[in-house]
Amino acid sequence: MHFSAQSNRTNDIMRTLTALTAIFLPLNLIAGIFGMNFQFI
């Protein structure tokens, strides 16, 4: 039960980090688009 609880806690942390990464992924995309060196954007 101890290792199962630790595994569940690790899964919670990894799921939260994955969700936060998924949230910031489109933000990085937007920042990357506006950071392109094109004259007309």
PDB file of all heavy atoms in Angstrom:
ATOM      1  N   MET A   1       0.827  -1.206   0.000  1.00  0.00           N
ATOM      2  CA  MET A   1       0.000   0.000   0.000  1.00  0.00           C
ATOM      3  C   MET A   1       0.859   1.253   0.000  1.00  0.00           C
ATOM      4  O   MET A   1       0.516   2.258  -0.640  1.00  0.00           O
ATOM      5  CB  MET A   1      -0.936  -0.011   1.210  1.00  0.00           C
ATOM      6  CG  MET A   1      -2.010  -1.082   1.168  1.00  0.00           C
ATOM      7  SD  MET A   1      -3.038  -1.108   2.652  1.00  0.00           S
ATOM      8  CE  MET A   1      -3.778   0.525   2.574  1.00  0.00           C
ATOM      9  N   HIS A   2       2.000   1.200   0.716  1.00  0.00           N
ATOM     10  CA  HIS A   2       2.897   2.356   0.739  1.00  0.00           C
ATOM     11  C   HIS A   2       3.409   2.671  -0.665  1.00  0.00           C
ATOM     12  O   HIS A   2       3.337   3.816  -1.125  1.00  0.00           O
ATOM     13  CB  HIS A   2       4.055   2.079   1.687  1.00  0.00           C
ATOM     14  CG  HIS A   2       5.156   3.090   1.611  1.00  0.00           C
ATOM     15  ND1 HIS A   2       5.061   4.352   2.166  1.00  0.00           N
ATOM     16  CD2 HIS A   2       6.380   3.038   1.016  1.00  0.00           C
ATOM     17  CE1 HIS A   2       6.172   5.022   1.933  1.00  0.00           C
ATOM     18  NE2 HIS A   2       6.991   4.249   1.237  1.00  0.00           N
ATOM     19  N   PHE A   3       3.919   1.652  -1.354  1.00  0.00           N
ATOM     20  CA  PHE A   3       4.455   1.889  -2.694  1.00  0.00           C
ATOM     21  C   PHE A   3       3.346   2.206  -3.688  1.00  0.00           C
ATOM     22  O   PHE A   3       3.561   2.964  -4.645  1.00  0.00           O
ATOM     23  CB  PHE A   3       5.260   0.679  -3.154  1.00  0.00           C
ATOM     24  CG  PHE A   3       6.601   0.556  -2.490  1.00  0.00           C
ATOM     25  CD1 PHE A   3       6.863  -0.465  -1.603  1.00  0.00           C
ATOM     26  CD2 PHE A   3       7.600   1.480  -2.747  1.00  0.00           C
ATOM     27  CE1 PHE A   3       8.096  -0.571  -0.982  1.00  0.00           C
ATOM     28  CE2 PHE A   3       8.841   1.384  -2.146  1.00  0.00           C
ATOM     29  CZ  PHE A   3       9.083   0.350  -1.246  1.00  0.00           C
ATOM     30  N   SER A   4       2.159   1.653  -3.458  1.00  0.00           N
ATOM     31  CA  SER A   4       1.037   2.011  -4.326  1.00  0.00           C
ATOM     32  C   SER A   4       0.670   3.476  -4.139  1.00  0.00           C
ATOM     33  O   SER A   4       0.398   4.191  -5.121  1.00  0.00           O
ATOM     34  CB  SER A   4      -0.159   1.114  -4.014  1.00  0.00           C
ATOM     35  OG  SER A   4      -1.272   1.473  -4.791  1.00  0.00           O
ATOM     36  N   ALA A   5       0.652   3.938  -2.873  1.00  0.00           N
ATOM     37  CA  ALA A   5       0.348   5.343  -2.622  1.00  0.00           C
ATOM     38  C   ALA A   5       1.420   6.251  -3.209  1.00  0.00           C
ATOM     39  O   ALA A   5       1.119   7.310  -3.786  1.00  0.00           O
ATOM     40  CB  ALA A   5       0.212   5.588  -1.111  1.00  0.00           C
ATOM     41  N   GLN A   6       2.703   5.837  -3.068  1.00  0.00           N
ATOM     42  CA  GLN A   6       3.771   6.629  -3.660  1.00  0.00           C
ATOM     43  C   GLN A   6       3.660   6.656  -5.179  1.00  0.00           C
ATOM     44  O   GLN A   6       3.907   7.687  -5.817  1.00  0.00           O
ATOM     45  CB  GLN A   6       5.130   6.042  -3.239  1.00  0.00           C
ATOM     46  CG  GLN A   6       5.433   6.169  -1.766  1.00  0.00           C
ATOM     47  CD  GLN A   6       5.535   7.614  -1.321  1.00  0.00           C
ATOM     48  OE1 GLN A   6       6.082   8.466  -2.006  1.00  0.00           O
ATOM     49  NE2 GLN A   6       4.979   7.905  -0.151  1.00  0.00           N
ATOM     50  N   SER A   7       3.270   5.529  -5.777  1.00  0.00           N
ATOM     51  CA  SER A   7       3.097   5.487  -7.228  1.00  0.00           C
ATOM     52  C   SER A   7       1.950   6.397  -7.671  1.00  0.00           C
ATOM     53  O   SER A   7       2.068   7.119  -8.674  1.00  0.00           O
ATOM     54  CB  SER A   7       2.841   4.052  -7.672  1.00  0.00           C
ATOM     55  OG  SER A   7       2.612   3.976  -9.054  1.00  0.00           O
ATOM     56  N   ASN A   8       0.854   6.370  -6.918  1.00  0.00           N
ATOM     57  CA  ASN A   8      -0.274   7.255  -7.250  1.00  0.00           C
ATOM     58  C   ASN A   8       0.110   8.717  -7.111  1.00  0.00           C
ATOM     59  O   ASN A   8      -0.295   9.556  -7.929  1.00  0.00           O
ATOM     60  CB  ASN A   8      -1.461   6.942  -6.352  1.00  0.00           C
ATOM     61  CG  ASN A   8      -2.110   5.614  -6.698  1.00  0.00           C
ATOM     62  OD1 ASN A   8      -1.973   5.126  -7.813  1.00  0.00           O
ATOM     63  ND2 ASN A   8      -2.800   5.021  -5.739  1.00  0.00           N
ATOM     64  N   ARG A   9       0.894   9.018  -6.085  1.00  0.00           N
ATOM     65  CA  ARG A   9       1.331  10.405  -5.892  1.00  0.00           C
ATOM     66  C   ARG A   9       2.233  10.840  -7.045  1.00  0.00           C
ATOM     67  O   ARG A   9       2.132  11.967  -7.546  1.00  0.00           O
ATOM     68  CB  ARG A   9       2.071  10.521  -4.560  1.00  0.00           C
ATOM     69  CG  ARG A   9       2.489  11.941  -4.193  1.00  0.00           C
ATOM     70  CD  ARG A   9       2.929  12.016  -2.748  1.00  0.00           C
ATOM     71  NE  ARG A   9       3.329  13.364  -2.394  1.00  0.00           N
ATOM     72  CZ  ARG A   9       4.578  13.817  -2.468  1.00  0.00           C
ATOM     73  NH1 ARG A   9       5.538  13.014  -2.879  1.00  0.00           N
ATOM     74  NH2 ARG A   9       4.874  15.055  -2.139  1.00  0.00           N
ATOM     75  N   THR A  10       3.122   9.934  -7.473  1.00  0.00           N
ATOM     76  CA  THR A  10       3.984  10.238  -8.616  1.00  0.00           C
ATOM     77  C   THR A  10       3.162  10.438  -9.887  1.00  0.00           C
ATOM     78  O   THR A  10       3.435  11.347 -10.692  1.00  0.00           O
ATOM     79  CB  THR A  10       5.003   9.120  -8.816  1.00  0.00           C
ATOM     80  OG1 THR A  10       5.779   8.966  -7.625  1.00  0.00           O
ATOM     81  CG2 THR A  10       5.924   9.424  -9.985  1.00  0.00           C
ATOM     82  N   ASN A  11       2.144   9.603 -10.055  1.00  0.00           N
ATOM     83  CA  ASN A  11       1.270   9.751 -11.218  1.00  0.00           C
ATOM     84  C   ASN A  11       0.534  11.086 -11.200  1.00  0.00           C
ATOM     85  O   ASN A  11       0.346  11.731 -12.242  1.00  0.00           O
ATOM     86  CB  ASN A  11       0.264   8.607 -11.263  1.00  0.00           C
ATOM     87  CG  ASN A  11       0.922   7.279 -11.583  1.00  0.00           C
ATOM     88  OD1 ASN A  11       2.015   7.242 -12.149  1.00  0.00           O
ATOM     89  ND2 ASN A  11       0.273   6.190 -11.208  1.00  0.00           N
ATOM     90  N   ASP A  12       0.082  11.509 -10.001  1.00  0.00           N
ATOM     91  CA  ASP A  12      -0.576  12.819  -9.886  1.00  0.00           C
ATOM     92  C   ASP A  12       0.364  13.942 -10.310  1.00  0.00           C
ATOM     93  O   ASP A  12      -0.018  14.863 -11.039  1.00  0.00           O
ATOM     94  CB  ASP A  12      -1.044  13.048  -8.445  1.00  0.00           C
ATOM     95  CG  ASP A  12      -2.258  12.203  -8.094  1.00  0.00           C
ATOM     96  OD1 ASP A  12      -2.939  11.739  -9.030  1.00  0.00           O
ATOM     97  OD2 ASP A  12      -2.512  12.010  -6.895  1.00  0.00           O
ATOM     98  N   ILE A  13       1.616  13.857  -9.828  1.00  0.00           N
ATOM     99  CA  ILE A  13       2.585  14.906 -10.158  1.00  0.00           C
ATOM    100  C   ILE A  13       2.866  14.925 -11.656  1.00  0.00           C
ATOM    101  O   ILE A  13       2.879  15.996 -12.297  1.00  0.00           O
ATOM    102  CB  ILE A  13       3.886  14.691  -9.358  1.00  0.00           C
ATOM    103  CG1 ILE A  13       3.613  14.860  -7.859  1.00  0.00           C
ATOM    104  CG2 ILE A  13       4.970  15.659  -9.826  1.00  0.00           C
ATOM    105  CD1 ILE A  13       4.803  14.521  -6.990  1.00  0.00           C
ATOM    106  N   MET A  14       3.073  13.731 -12.229  1.00  0.00           N
ATOM    107  CA  MET A  14       3.368  13.670 -13.661  1.00  0.00           C
ATOM    108  C   MET A  14       2.173  14.125 -14.496  1.00  0.00           C
ATOM    109  O   MET A  14       2.345  14.801 -15.525  1.00  0.00           O
ATOM    110  CB  MET A  14       3.754  12.237 -14.044  1.00  0.00           C
ATOM    111  CG  MET A  14       5.061  11.765 -13.446  1.00  0.00           C
ATOM    112  SD  MET A  14       6.443  12.857 -13.866  1.00  0.00           S
ATOM    113  CE  MET A  14       6.442  12.712 -15.649  1.00  0.00           C
ATOM    114  N   ARG A  15       0.953  13.818 -14.081  1.00  0.00           N
ATOM    115  CA  ARG A  15      -0.225  14.256 -14.819  1.00  0.00           C
ATOM    116  C   ARG A  15      -0.373  15.774 -14.749  1.00  0.00           C
ATOM    117  O   ARG A  15      -0.704  16.434 -15.746  1.00  0.00           O
ATOM    118  CB  ARG A  15      -1.479  13.569 -14.265  1.00  0.00           C
ATOM    119  CG  ARG A  15      -2.713  13.867 -15.096  1.00  0.00           C
ATOM    120  CD  ARG A  15      -3.940  13.102 -14.603  1.00  0.00           C
ATOM    121  NE  ARG A  15      -4.288  13.463 -13.250  1.00  0.00           N
ATOM    122  CZ  ARG A  15      -4.151  12.666 -12.198  1.00  0.00           C
ATOM    123  NH1 ARG A  15      -3.650  11.447 -12.360  1.00  0.00           N
ATOM    124  NH2 ARG A  15      -4.502  13.052 -10.997  1.00  0.00           N
ATOM    125  N   THR A  16      -0.087  16.335 -13.578  1.00  0.00           N
ATOM    126  CA  THR A  16      -0.169  17.791 -13.444  1.00  0.00           C
ATOM    127  C   THR A  16       0.883  18.479 -14.308  1.00  0.00           C
ATOM    128  O   THR A  16       0.600  19.467 -14.998  1.00  0.00           O
ATOM    129  CB  THR A  16       0.024  18.178 -11.968  1.00  0.00           C
ATOM    130  OG1 THR A  16      -0.987  17.556 -11.169  1.00  0.00           O
ATOM    131  CG2 THR A  16      -0.075  19.697 -11.803  1.00  0.00           C
ATOM    132  N   LEU A  17       2.099  17.959 -14.262  1.00  0.00           N
ATOM    133  CA  LEU A  17       3.159  18.549 -15.090  1.00  0.00           C
ATOM    134  C   LEU A  17       2.845  18.409 -16.576  1.00  0.00           C
ATOM    135  O   LEU A  17       3.112  19.328 -17.367  1.00  0.00           O
ATOM    136  CB  LEU A  17       4.499  17.872 -14.772  1.00  0.00           C
ATOM    137  CG  LEU A  17       5.084  18.141 -13.378  1.00  0.00           C
ATOM    138  CD1 LEU A  17       6.361  17.349 -13.188  1.00  0.00           C
ATOM    139  CD2 LEU A  17       5.336  19.632 -13.177  1.00  0.00           C
ATOM    140  N   THR A  18       2.266  17.290 -16.967  1.00  0.00           N
ATOM    141  CA  THR A  18       1.905  17.100 -18.370  1.00  0.00           C
ATOM    142  C   THR A  18       0.819  18.081 -18.795  1.00  0.00           C
ATOM    143  O   THR A  18       0.859  18.653 -19.901  1.00  0.00           O
ATOM    144  CB  THR A  18       1.423  15.664 -18.597  1.00  0.00           C
ATOM    145  OG1 THR A  18       2.464  14.754 -18.208  1.00  0.00           O
ATOM    146  CG2 THR A  18       1.073  15.424 -20.054  1.00  0.00           C
ATOM    147  N   ALA A  19      -0.179  18.287 -17.917  1.00  0.00           N
ATOM    148  CA  ALA A  19      -1.250  19.234 -18.231  1.00  0.00           C
ATOM    149  C   ALA A  19      -0.700  20.653 -18.349  1.00  0.00           C
ATOM    150  O   ALA A  19      -1.075  21.415 -19.258  1.00  0.00           O
ATOM    151  CB  ALA A  19      -2.339  19.165 -17.162  1.00  0.00           C
ATOM    152  N   LEU A  20       0.207  21.036 -17.428  1.00  0.00           N
ATOM    153  CA  LEU A  20       0.798  22.380 -17.505  1.00  0.00           C
ATOM    154  C   LEU A  20       1.631  22.526 -18.775  1.00  0.00           C
ATOM    155  O   LEU A  20       1.634  23.599 -19.413  1.00  0.00           O
ATOM    156  CB  LEU A  20       1.659  22.630 -16.264  1.00  0.00           C
ATOM    157  CG  LEU A  20       0.906  22.743 -14.936  1.00  0.00           C
ATOM    158  CD1 LEU A  20       1.876  22.901 -13.773  1.00  0.00           C
ATOM    159  CD2 LEU A  20      -0.061  23.934 -14.978  1.00  0.00           C
ATOM    160  N   THR A  21       2.347  21.464 -19.137  1.00  0.00           N
ATOM    161  CA  THR A  21       3.124  21.518 -20.386  1.00  0.00           C
ATOM    162  C   THR A  21       2.207  21.690 -21.590  1.00  0.00           C
ATOM    163  O   THR A  21       2.506  22.448 -22.526  1.00  0.00           O
ATOM    164  CB  THR A  21       3.950  20.233 -20.521  1.00  0.00           C
ATOM    165  OG1 THR A  21       4.814  20.101 -19.390  1.00  0.00           O
ATOM    166  CG2 THR A  21       4.783  20.254 -21.796  1.00  0.00           C
ATOM    167  N   ALA A  22       1.055  20.975 -21.570  1.00  0.00           N
ATOM    168  CA  ALA A  22       0.098  21.090 -22.676  1.00  0.00           C
ATOM    169  C   ALA A  22      -0.507  22.491 -22.735  1.00  0.00           C
ATOM    170  O   ALA A  22      -0.831  23.004 -23.815  1.00  0.00           O
ATOM    171  CB  ALA A  22      -1.002  20.045 -22.521  1.00  0.00           C
ATOM    172  N   ILE A  23      -0.691  23.140 -21.561  1.00  0.00           N
ATOM    173  CA  ILE A  23      -1.236  24.506 -21.546  1.00  0.00           C
ATOM    174  C   ILE A  23      -0.243  25.484 -22.158  1.00  0.00           C
ATOM    175  O   ILE A  23      -0.598  26.381 -22.954  1.00  0.00           O
ATOM    176  CB  ILE A  23      -1.603  24.916 -20.117  1.00  0.00           C
ATOM    177  CG1 ILE A  23      -2.821  24.108 -19.634  1.00  0.00           C
ATOM    178  CG2 ILE A  23      -1.888  26.421 -20.026  1.00  0.00           C
ATOM    179  CD1 ILE A  23      -3.155  24.352 -18.177  1.00  0.00           C
ATOM    180  N   PHE A  24       1.038  25.341 -21.820  1.00  0.00           N
ATOM    181  CA  PHE A  24       2.034  26.305 -22.304  1.00  0.00           C
ATOM    182  C   PHE A  24       2.517  25.994 -23.717  1.00  0.00           C
ATOM    183  O   PHE A  24       3.190  26.831 -24.324  1.00  0.00           O
ATOM    184  CB  PHE A  24       3.235  26.343 -21.349  1.00  0.00           C
ATOM    185  CG  PHE A  24       2.980  27.153 -20.107  1.00  0.00           C
ATOM    186  CD1 PHE A  24       2.512  26.549 -18.953  1.00  0.00           C
ATOM    187  CD2 PHE A  24       3.190  28.526 -20.112  1.00  0.00           C
ATOM    188  CE1 PHE A  24       2.272  27.289 -17.823  1.00  0.00           C
ATOM    189  CE2 PHE A  24       2.961  29.278 -18.974  1.00  0.00           C
ATOM    190  CZ  PHE A  24       2.489  28.659 -17.818  1.00  0.00           C
ATOM    191  N   LEU A  25       2.168  24.846 -24.247  1.00  0.00           N
ATOM    192  CA  LEU A  25       2.622  24.528 -25.600  1.00  0.00           C
ATOM    193  C   LEU A  25       2.040  25.481 -26.653  1.00  0.00           C
ATOM    194  O   LEU A  25       2.808  26.026 -27.485  1.00  0.00           O
ATOM    195  CB  LEU A  25       2.261  23.073 -25.927  1.00  0.00           C
ATOM    196  CG  LEU A  25       2.780  22.545 -27.262  1.00  0.00           C
ATOM    197  CD1 LEU A  25       4.308  22.600 -27.295  1.00  0.00           C
ATOM    198  CD2 LEU A  25       2.289  21.125 -27.503  1.00  0.00           C
ATOM    199  N   PRO A  26       0.724  25.753 -26.679  1.00  0.00           N
ATOM    200  CA  PRO A  26       0.221  26.734 -27.665  1.00  0.00           C
ATOM    201  C   PRO A  26       0.744  28.147 -27.399  1.00  0.00           C
ATOM    202  O   PRO A  26       0.886  28.937 -28.332  1.00  0.00           O
ATOM    203  CB  PRO A  26      -1.294  26.636 -27.517  1.00  0.00           C
ATOM    204  CG  PRO A  26      -1.526  26.044 -26.181  1.00  0.00           C
ATOM    205  CD  PRO A  26      -0.386  25.131 -25.921  1.00  0.00           C
ATOM    206  N   LEU A  27       1.028  28.476 -26.139  1.00  0.00           N
ATOM    207  CA  LEU A  27       1.591  29.796 -25.843  1.00  0.00           C
ATOM    208  C   LEU A  27       2.984  29.919 -26.453  1.00  0.00           C
ATOM    209  O   LEU A  27       3.350  30.984 -27.000  1.00  0.00           O
ATOM    210  CB  LEU A  27       1.648  30.014 -24.333  1.00  0.00           C
ATOM    211  CG  LEU A  27       0.346  29.784 -23.544  1.00  0.00           C
ATOM    212  CD1 LEU A  27       0.528  30.199 -22.100  1.00  0.00           C
ATOM    213  CD2 LEU A  27      -0.807  30.553 -24.193  1.00  0.00           C
ATOM    214  N   ASN A  28       3.745  28.867 -26.361  1.00  0.00           N
ATOM    215  CA  ASN A  28       5.061  28.873 -27.010  1.00  0.00           C
ATOM    216  C   ASN A  28       4.929  28.971 -28.523  1.00  0.00           C
ATOM    217  O   ASN A  28       5.767  29.598 -29.199  1.00  0.00           O
ATOM    218  CB  ASN A  28       5.836  27.610 -26.635  1.00  0.00           C
ATOM    219  CG  ASN A  28       6.226  27.581 -25.171  1.00  0.00           C
ATOM    220  OD1 ASN A  28       6.381  28.630 -24.545  1.00  0.00           O
ATOM    221  ND2 ASN A  28       6.380  26.391 -24.618  1.00  0.00           N
ATOM    222  N   LEU A  29       3.875  28.337 -29.058  1.00  0.00           N
ATOM    223  CA  LEU A  29       3.642  28.421 -30.503  1.00  0.00           C
ATOM    224  C   LEU A  29       3.350  29.852 -30.930  1.00  0.00           C
ATOM    225  O   LEU A  29       3.897  30.347 -31.929  1.00  0.00           O
ATOM    226  CB  LEU A  29       2.476  27.499 -30.884  1.00  0.00           C
ATOM    227  CG  LEU A  29       2.064  27.526 -32.358  1.00  0.00           C
ATOM    228  CD1 LEU A  29       3.223  27.072 -33.248  1.00  0.00           C
ATOM    229  CD2 LEU A  29       0.827  26.666 -32.579  1.00  0.00           C
ATOM    230  N   ILE A  30       2.466  30.526 -30.170  1.00  0.00           N
ATOM    231  CA  ILE A  30       2.151  31.928 -30.489  1.00  0.00           C
ATOM    232  C   ILE A  30       3.393  32.804 -30.388  1.00  0.00           C
ATOM    233  O   ILE A  30       3.676  33.641 -31.256  1.00  0.00           O
ATOM    234  CB  ILE A  30       1.035  32.443 -29.571  1.00  0.00           C
ATOM    235  CG1 ILE A  30      -0.270  31.658 -29.832  1.00  0.00           C
ATOM    236  CG2 ILE A  30       0.805  33.931 -29.767  1.00  0.00           C
ATOM    237  CD1 ILE A  30      -1.389  32.010 -28.868  1.00  0.00           C
ATOM    238  N   ALA A  31       4.156  32.588 -29.293  1.00  0.00           N
ATOM    239  CA  ALA A  31       5.378  33.388 -29.135  1.00  0.00           C
ATOM    240  C   ALA A  31       6.368  33.097 -30.258  1.00  0.00           C
ATOM    241  O   ALA A  31       7.057  34.003 -30.749  1.00  0.00           O
ATOM    242  CB  ALA A  31       6.007  33.087 -27.780  1.00  0.00           C
ATOM    243  N   GLY A  32       6.442  31.859 -30.679  1.00  0.00           N
ATOM    244  CA  GLY A  32       7.351  31.512 -31.763  1.00  0.00           C
ATOM    245  C   GLY A  32       6.929  32.131 -33.082  1.00  0.00           C
ATOM    246  O   GLY A  32       7.775  32.559 -33.877  1.00  0.00           O
ATOM    247  N   ILE A  33       5.607  32.181 -33.336  1.00  0.00           N
ATOM    248  CA  ILE A  33       5.133  32.777 -34.593  1.00  0.00           C
ATOM    249  C   ILE A  33       5.485  34.252 -34.644  1.00  0.00           C
ATOM    250  O   ILE A  33       5.996  34.759 -35.652  1.00  0.00           O
ATOM    251  CB  ILE A  33       3.629  32.565 -34.741  1.00  0.00           C
ATOM    252  CG1 ILE A  33       3.344  31.058 -34.983  1.00  0.00           C
ATOM    253  CG2 ILE A  33       3.068  33.405 -35.884  1.00  0.00           C
ATOM    254  CD1 ILE A  33       1.879  30.723 -35.024  1.00  0.00           C
ATOM    255  N   PHE A  34       5.200  34.975 -33.548  1.00  0.00           N
ATOM    256  CA  PHE A  34       5.485  36.413 -33.552  1.00  0.00           C
ATOM    257  C   PHE A  34       6.977  36.698 -33.427  1.00  0.00           C
ATOM    258  O   PHE A  34       7.397  37.844 -33.547  1.00  0.00           O
ATOM    259  CB  PHE A  34       4.717  37.102 -32.432  1.00  0.00           C
ATOM    260  CG  PHE A  34       3.279  37.349 -32.757  1.00  0.00           C
ATOM    261  CD1 PHE A  34       2.302  36.420 -32.425  1.00  0.00           C
ATOM    262  CD2 PHE A  34       2.889  38.500 -33.425  1.00  0.00           C
ATOM    263  CE1 PHE A  34       0.985  36.630 -32.737  1.00  0.00           C
ATOM    264  CE2 PHE A  34       1.567  38.724 -33.740  1.00  0.00           C
ATOM    265  CZ  PHE A  34       0.598  37.785 -33.398  1.00  0.00           C
ATOM    266  N   GLY A  35       7.768  35.673 -33.153  1.00  0.00           N
ATOM    267  CA  GLY A  35       9.212  35.893 -33.109  1.00  0.00           C
ATOM    268  C   GLY A  35       9.908  35.591 -34.422  1.00  0.00           C
ATOM    269  O   GLY A  35      11.134  35.689 -34.503  1.00  0.00           O
ATOM    270  N   MET A  36       9.143  35.239 -35.471  1.00  0.00           N
ATOM    271  CA  MET A  36       9.750  34.982 -36.787  1.00  0.00           C
ATOM    272  C   MET A  36      10.266  36.265 -37.421  1.00  0.00           C
ATOM    273  O   MET A  36       9.711  37.341 -37.206  1.00  0.00           O
ATOM    274  CB  MET A  36       8.726  34.323 -37.699  1.00  0.00           C
ATOM    275  CG  MET A  36       8.308  32.930 -37.277  1.00  0.00           C
ATOM    276  SD  MET A  36       7.118  32.212 -38.422  1.00  0.00           S
ATOM    277  CE  MET A  36       6.865  30.614 -37.648  1.00  0.00           C
ATOM    278  N   ASN A  37      11.307  36.153 -38.213  1.00  0.00           N
ATOM    279  CA  ASN A  37      11.942  37.309 -38.857  1.00  0.00           C
ATOM    280  C   ASN A  37      11.346  37.592 -40.232  1.00  0.00           C
ATOM    281  O   ASN A  37      12.061  37.779 -41.209  1.00  0.00           O
ATOM    282  CB  ASN A  37      13.454  37.073 -38.983  1.00  0.00           C
ATOM    283  CG  ASN A  37      14.143  37.012 -37.640  1.00  0.00           C
ATOM    284  OD1 ASN A  37      13.757  37.761 -36.734  1.00  0.00           O
ATOM    285  ND2 ASN A  37      15.124  36.146 -37.501  1.00  0.00           N
ATOM    286  N   PHE A  38      10.017  37.601 -40.329  1.00  0.00           N
ATOM    287  CA  PHE A  38       9.353  38.020 -41.560  1.00  0.00           C
ATOM    288  C   PHE A  38       9.025  39.512 -41.459  1.00  0.00           C
ATOM    289  O   PHE A  38       8.720  40.018 -40.383  1.00  0.00           O
ATOM    290  CB  PHE A  38       8.077  37.210 -41.789  1.00  0.00           C
ATOM    291  CG  PHE A  38       8.354  35.759 -42.123  1.00  0.00           C
ATOM    292  CD1 PHE A  38       8.144  34.763 -41.184  1.00  0.00           C
ATOM    293  CD2 PHE A  38       8.832  35.407 -43.379  1.00  0.00           C
ATOM    294  CE1 PHE A  38       8.397  33.451 -41.495  1.00  0.00           C
ATOM    295  CE2 PHE A  38       9.081  34.084 -43.687  1.00  0.00           C
ATOM    296  CZ  PHE A  38       8.872  33.095 -42.740  1.00  0.00           C
ATOM    297  N   GLN A  39       9.045  40.182 -42.625  1.00  0.00           N
ATOM    298  CA  GLN A  39       8.750  41.625 -42.594  1.00  0.00           C
ATOM    299  C   GLN A  39       7.276  41.895 -42.417  1.00  0.00           C
ATOM    300  O   GLN A  39       6.898  42.846 -41.734  1.00  0.00           O
ATOM    301  CB  GLN A  39       9.239  42.276 -43.906  1.00  0.00           C
ATOM    302  CG  GLN A  39       9.041  43.781 -43.917  1.00  0.00           C
ATOM    303  CD  GLN A  39       9.617  44.417 -45.183  1.00  0.00           C
ATOM    304  OE1 GLN A  39      10.142  43.729 -46.054  1.00  0.00           O
ATOM    305  NE2 GLN A  39       9.516  45.744 -45.283  1.00  0.00           N
ATOM    306  N   PHE A  40       6.443  41.059 -43.013  1.00  0.00           N
ATOM    307  CA  PHE A  40       4.994  41.284 -42.920  1.00  0.00           C
ATOM    308  C   PHE A  40       4.363  40.157 -42.087  1.00  0.00           C
ATOM    309  O   PHE A  40       4.273  39.011 -42.539  1.00  0.00           O
ATOM    310  CB  PHE A  40       4.353  41.329 -44.316  1.00  0.00           C
ATOM    311  CG  PHE A  40       4.908  42.432 -45.184  1.00  0.00           C
ATOM    312  CD1 PHE A  40       5.847  42.167 -46.179  1.00  0.00           C
ATOM    313  CD2 PHE A  40       4.507  43.760 -44.977  1.00  0.00           C
ATOM    314  CE1 PHE A  40       6.364  43.184 -46.951  1.00  0.00           C
ATOM    315  CE2 PHE A  40       5.031  44.764 -45.769  1.00  0.00           C
ATOM    316  CZ  PHE A  40       5.964  44.487 -46.760  1.00  0.00           C
ATOM    317  N   ILE A  41       4.002  40.463 -40.863  1.00  0.00           N
ATOM    318  CA  ILE A  41       3.293  39.568 -39.944  1.00  0.00           C
ATOM    319  C   ILE A  41       2.083  40.330 -39.423  1.00  0.00           C
ATOM    320  O   ILE A  41       2.205  41.485 -39.004  1.00  0.00           O
ATOM    321  CB  ILE A  41       4.184  39.122 -38.779  1.00  0.00           C
ATOM    322  CG1 ILE A  41       5.367  38.284 -39.295  1.00  0.00           C
ATOM    323  CG2 ILE A  41       3.390  38.297 -37.759  1.00  0.00           C
ATOM    324  CD1 ILE A  41       6.310  37.827 -38.209  1.00  0.00           C
TER     325      ILE A  41
END
